Amino acid sequence: MPGPYPDEFRQRALRMLSEARPDHKTDHAAITHLAANLRVNPETLRLWKKRLDVDEGRQPGTSSEAQAEIKRLKK
């Protein structure tokens, strides 16, 4: 998932989100709070979480690995 943030930052942010989630009533509240602390757009953090959930099979969708393979095959 290319972008302006290093992979290590994304992984750390997602770990922090999973740790912060029990302290908030909703995913949205946890994301909004953490995004402000990390100075990232809440939508960015939400999309990172959504992608992680798909990649780990918690949400339906095409995994990052499958998307990369499809992109490679289209070339």
N, C-alpha and C. Protein backbone atom coordinates (compact mmCIF):
# COMPACT_ATOMS: atom_id res chain seq x y z
N MET A 1 0.84 -1.17 0.00
CA MET A 1 0.00 0.00 0.00
C MET A 1 0.89 1.24 0.00
N PRO A 2 1.28 1.72 -1.16
CA PRO A 2 2.17 2.87 -1.22
C PRO A 2 1.48 4.14 -0.74
N GLY A 3 2.26 5.05 -0.26
CA GLY A 3 1.71 6.31 0.20
C GLY A 3 2.77 7.12 0.92
N PRO A 4 2.37 8.25 1.47
CA PRO A 4 3.35 9.12 2.11
C PRO A 4 3.83 8.64 3.48
N TYR A 5 3.21 7.60 4.01
CA TYR A 5 3.58 7.11 5.34
C TYR A 5 4.36 5.80 5.21
N PRO A 6 5.46 5.68 5.95
CA PRO A 6 6.22 4.42 5.92
C PRO A 6 5.39 3.26 6.47
N ASP A 7 5.68 2.05 6.00
CA ASP A 7 4.96 0.87 6.48
C ASP A 7 5.04 0.72 7.99
N GLU A 8 6.20 1.03 8.56
CA GLU A 8 6.37 0.90 10.01
C GLU A 8 5.41 1.81 10.76
N PHE A 9 5.20 3.01 10.22
CA PHE A 9 4.27 3.95 10.85
C PHE A 9 2.85 3.40 10.80
N ARG A 10 2.46 2.88 9.64
CA ARG A 10 1.12 2.31 9.49
C ARG A 10 0.90 1.16 10.46
N GLN A 11 1.88 0.27 10.53
CA GLN A 11 1.76 -0.89 11.43
C GLN A 11 1.65 -0.44 12.88
N ARG A 12 2.46 0.53 13.26
CA ARG A 12 2.42 1.04 14.63
C ARG A 12 1.07 1.69 14.92
N ALA A 13 0.56 2.47 13.97
CA ALA A 13 -0.73 3.13 14.15
C ALA A 13 -1.85 2.10 14.31
N LEU A 14 -1.80 1.03 13.55
CA LEU A 14 -2.84 -0.01 13.65
C LEU A 14 -2.74 -0.77 14.97
N ARG A 15 -1.52 -1.00 15.45
CA ARG A 15 -1.35 -1.62 16.78
C ARG A 15 -1.93 -0.71 17.86
N MET A 16 -1.61 0.58 17.76
CA MET A 16 -2.12 1.55 18.73
C MET A 16 -3.64 1.61 18.68
N LEU A 17 -4.21 1.51 17.50
CA LEU A 17 -5.66 1.54 17.35
C LEU A 17 -6.30 0.33 18.03
N SER A 18 -5.72 -0.84 17.84
CA SER A 18 -6.30 -2.04 18.48
C SER A 18 -6.19 -1.95 20.00
N GLU A 19 -5.12 -1.32 20.50
CA GLU A 19 -4.96 -1.15 21.94
C GLU A 19 -5.91 -0.08 22.49
N ALA A 20 -6.20 0.95 21.70
CA ALA A 20 -7.04 2.05 22.15
C ALA A 20 -8.53 1.74 22.03
N ARG A 21 -8.90 0.80 21.17
CA ARG A 21 -10.31 0.53 20.89
C ARG A 21 -11.15 0.25 22.14
N PRO A 22 -10.68 -0.56 23.11
CA PRO A 22 -11.51 -0.82 24.29
C PRO A 22 -11.83 0.43 25.12
N ASP A 23 -11.05 1.47 24.98
CA ASP A 23 -11.26 2.70 25.75
C ASP A 23 -12.30 3.62 25.13
N HIS A 24 -12.85 3.25 23.97
CA HIS A 24 -13.81 4.09 23.27
C HIS A 24 -15.09 3.30 22.99
N LYS A 25 -16.19 4.02 22.87
CA LYS A 25 -17.48 3.36 22.64
C LYS A 25 -17.60 2.76 21.24
N THR A 26 -16.95 3.40 20.26
CA THR A 26 -17.07 2.94 18.87
C THR A 26 -15.71 2.94 18.18
N ASP A 27 -15.64 2.22 17.06
CA ASP A 27 -14.43 2.27 16.24
C ASP A 27 -14.18 3.70 15.78
N HIS A 28 -15.26 4.38 15.40
CA HIS A 28 -15.14 5.75 14.91
C HIS A 28 -14.49 6.66 15.95
N ALA A 29 -14.92 6.53 17.20
CA ALA A 29 -14.36 7.36 18.27
C ALA A 29 -12.87 7.06 18.47
N ALA A 30 -12.51 5.79 18.44
CA ALA A 30 -11.11 5.41 18.61
C ALA A 30 -10.26 5.93 17.46
N ILE A 31 -10.78 5.79 16.25
CA ILE A 31 -10.05 6.26 15.06
C ILE A 31 -9.88 7.77 15.10
N THR A 32 -10.94 8.49 15.42
CA THR A 32 -10.87 9.95 15.47
C THR A 32 -9.86 10.43 16.51
N HIS A 33 -9.90 9.82 17.68
CA HIS A 33 -8.99 10.20 18.76
C HIS A 33 -7.54 9.91 18.37
N LEU A 34 -7.27 8.71 17.90
CA LEU A 34 -5.90 8.33 17.56
C LEU A 34 -5.39 9.13 16.36
N ALA A 35 -6.24 9.35 15.38
CA ALA A 35 -5.82 10.12 14.20
C ALA A 35 -5.38 11.53 14.60
N ALA A 36 -6.10 12.13 15.53
CA ALA A 36 -5.71 13.47 16.00
C ALA A 36 -4.35 13.41 16.69
N ASN A 37 -4.14 12.39 17.51
CA ASN A 37 -2.86 12.26 18.22
C ASN A 37 -1.70 12.02 17.26
N LEU A 38 -1.95 11.25 16.20
CA LEU A 38 -0.89 10.93 15.24
C LEU A 38 -0.77 11.96 14.12
N ARG A 39 -1.73 12.89 14.10
CA ARG A 39 -1.77 13.93 13.06
C ARG A 39 -1.90 13.34 11.66
N VAL A 40 -2.83 12.38 11.55
CA VAL A 40 -3.18 11.83 10.25
C VAL A 40 -4.68 12.03 10.06
N ASN A 41 -5.12 12.01 8.83
CA ASN A 41 -6.54 12.13 8.54
C ASN A 41 -7.26 10.89 9.07
N PRO A 42 -8.38 11.06 9.78
CA PRO A 42 -9.10 9.89 10.28
C PRO A 42 -9.50 8.90 9.18
N GLU A 43 -9.82 9.42 8.00
CA GLU A 43 -10.19 8.54 6.88
C GLU A 43 -9.00 7.67 6.47
N THR A 44 -7.80 8.22 6.54
CA THR A 44 -6.60 7.45 6.22
C THR A 44 -6.47 6.28 7.19
N LEU A 45 -6.61 6.55 8.47
CA LEU A 45 -6.51 5.50 9.48
C LEU A 45 -7.63 4.47 9.31
N ARG A 46 -8.84 4.94 8.99
CA ARG A 46 -9.96 4.02 8.78
C ARG A 46 -9.68 3.09 7.60
N LEU A 47 -9.12 3.63 6.53
CA LEU A 47 -8.82 2.80 5.36
C LEU A 47 -7.70 1.79 5.66
N TRP A 48 -6.71 2.19 6.45
CA TRP A 48 -5.65 1.25 6.84
C TRP A 48 -6.26 0.10 7.63
N LYS A 49 -7.19 0.42 8.55
CA LYS A 49 -7.84 -0.63 9.35
C LYS A 49 -8.69 -1.53 8.46
N LYS A 50 -9.42 -0.93 7.55
CA LYS A 50 -10.26 -1.72 6.64
C LYS A 50 -9.40 -2.68 5.82
N ARG A 51 -8.27 -2.20 5.29
CA ARG A 51 -7.37 -3.04 4.49
C ARG A 51 -6.82 -4.18 5.35
N LEU A 52 -6.43 -3.88 6.59
CA LEU A 52 -5.92 -4.92 7.49
C LEU A 52 -7.00 -5.97 7.75
N ASP A 53 -8.23 -5.53 7.99
CA ASP A 53 -9.33 -6.46 8.24
C ASP A 53 -9.58 -7.37 7.04
N VAL A 54 -9.49 -6.84 5.84
CA VAL A 54 -9.65 -7.65 4.63
C VAL A 54 -8.49 -8.64 4.51
N ASP A 55 -7.27 -8.13 4.68
CA ASP A 55 -6.08 -8.99 4.55
C ASP A 55 -6.08 -10.13 5.57
N GLU A 56 -6.65 -9.89 6.75
CA GLU A 56 -6.67 -10.91 7.80
C GLU A 56 -7.96 -11.73 7.80
N GLY A 57 -8.84 -11.49 6.81
CA GLY A 57 -10.04 -12.29 6.66
C GLY A 57 -11.20 -11.92 7.57
N ARG A 58 -11.12 -10.78 8.25
CA ARG A 58 -12.22 -10.36 9.13
C ARG A 58 -13.31 -9.62 8.36
N GLN A 59 -12.99 -9.15 7.15
CA GLN A 59 -13.94 -8.45 6.29
C GLN A 59 -13.85 -9.06 4.90
N PRO A 60 -14.96 -9.09 4.17
CA PRO A 60 -14.88 -9.57 2.79
C PRO A 60 -14.17 -8.55 1.91
N GLY A 61 -13.55 -9.04 0.87
CA GLY A 61 -12.87 -8.16 -0.07
C GLY A 61 -11.65 -8.83 -0.67
N THR A 62 -11.00 -8.14 -1.57
CA THR A 62 -9.81 -8.65 -2.23
C THR A 62 -8.58 -8.24 -1.43
N SER A 63 -7.79 -9.21 -1.04
CA SER A 63 -6.61 -8.93 -0.21
C SER A 63 -5.58 -8.11 -0.98
N SER A 64 -4.68 -7.49 -0.24
CA SER A 64 -3.61 -6.70 -0.86
C SER A 64 -2.76 -7.58 -1.76
N GLU A 65 -2.51 -8.80 -1.30
CA GLU A 65 -1.70 -9.74 -2.09
C GLU A 65 -2.38 -10.06 -3.42
N ALA A 66 -3.69 -10.33 -3.36
CA ALA A 66 -4.43 -10.63 -4.59
C ALA A 66 -4.49 -9.41 -5.51
N GLN A 67 -4.65 -8.22 -4.94
CA GLN A 67 -4.67 -7.01 -5.75
C GLN A 67 -3.34 -6.81 -6.47
N ALA A 68 -2.25 -7.06 -5.77
CA ALA A 68 -0.92 -6.92 -6.38
C ALA A 68 -0.75 -7.93 -7.52
N GLU A 69 -1.24 -9.15 -7.32
CA GLU A 69 -1.14 -10.18 -8.36
C GLU A 69 -1.97 -9.79 -9.58
N ILE A 70 -3.17 -9.29 -9.36
CA ILE A 70 -4.03 -8.85 -10.46
C ILE A 70 -3.35 -7.73 -11.24
N LYS A 71 -2.79 -6.78 -10.52
CA LYS A 71 -2.09 -5.66 -11.17
C LYS A 71 -0.91 -6.17 -12.00
N ARG A 72 -0.16 -7.12 -11.45
CA ARG A 72 0.99 -7.69 -12.15
C ARG A 72 0.54 -8.40 -13.43
N LEU A 73 -0.55 -9.15 -13.35
CA LEU A 73 -1.04 -9.91 -14.50
C LEU A 73 -1.60 -9.00 -15.60
N LYS A 74 -2.09 -7.83 -15.25
CA LYS A 74 -2.64 -6.91 -16.24
C LYS A 74 -1.57 -6.23 -17.07
N LYS A 75 -0.33 -6.27 -16.61
CA LYS A 75 0.76 -5.59 -17.34
C LYS A 75 1.10 -6.30 -18.62
